Amino acid sequence: MLSAPSCPRSLLRVPTSG
């Protein structure tokens, strides 16, 4: 989930991933 940049929620948690 966190590694998935496709999800906008993951960006909120890990902006570096996006």
C-alpha atoms as a PDB file:
ATOM      1  CA  MET A   1       0.000   0.000   0.000  1.00  0.00           C
ATOM      2  CA  LEU A   2       2.728   2.456   1.029  1.00  0.00           C
ATOM      3  CA  SER A   3       4.877   1.537  -1.955  1.00  0.00           C
ATOM      4  CA  ALA A   4       1.922   2.075  -4.268  1.00  0.00           C
ATOM      5  CA  PRO A   5       2.086   5.677  -5.581  1.00  0.00           C
ATOM      6  CA  SER A   6      -1.179   4.975  -7.358  1.00  0.00           C
ATOM      7  CA  CYS A   7      -3.029   5.586  -4.082  1.00  0.00           C
ATOM      8  CA  PRO A   8      -3.409   9.241  -3.038  1.00  0.00           C
ATOM      9  CA  ARG A   9      -3.473   8.187   0.625  1.00  0.00           C
ATOM     10  CA  SER A  10      -0.011   6.677   0.360  1.00  0.00           C
ATOM     11  CA  LEU A  11       1.260  10.055  -0.849  1.00  0.00           C
ATOM     12  CA  LEU A  12      -0.021  11.687   2.319  1.00  0.00           C
ATOM     13  CA  ARG A  13       1.875   9.184   4.441  1.00  0.00           C
ATOM     14  CA  VAL A  14       4.995   8.948   2.307  1.00  0.00           C
ATOM     15  CA  PRO A  15       5.291  12.005   0.017  1.00  0.00           C
ATOM     16  CA  THR A  16       8.851  10.900  -0.837  1.00  0.00           C
ATOM     17  CA  SER A  17       7.472   7.785  -2.548  1.00  0.00           C
ATOM     18  CA  GLY A  18       5.455   9.929  -4.938  1.00  0.00           C
END
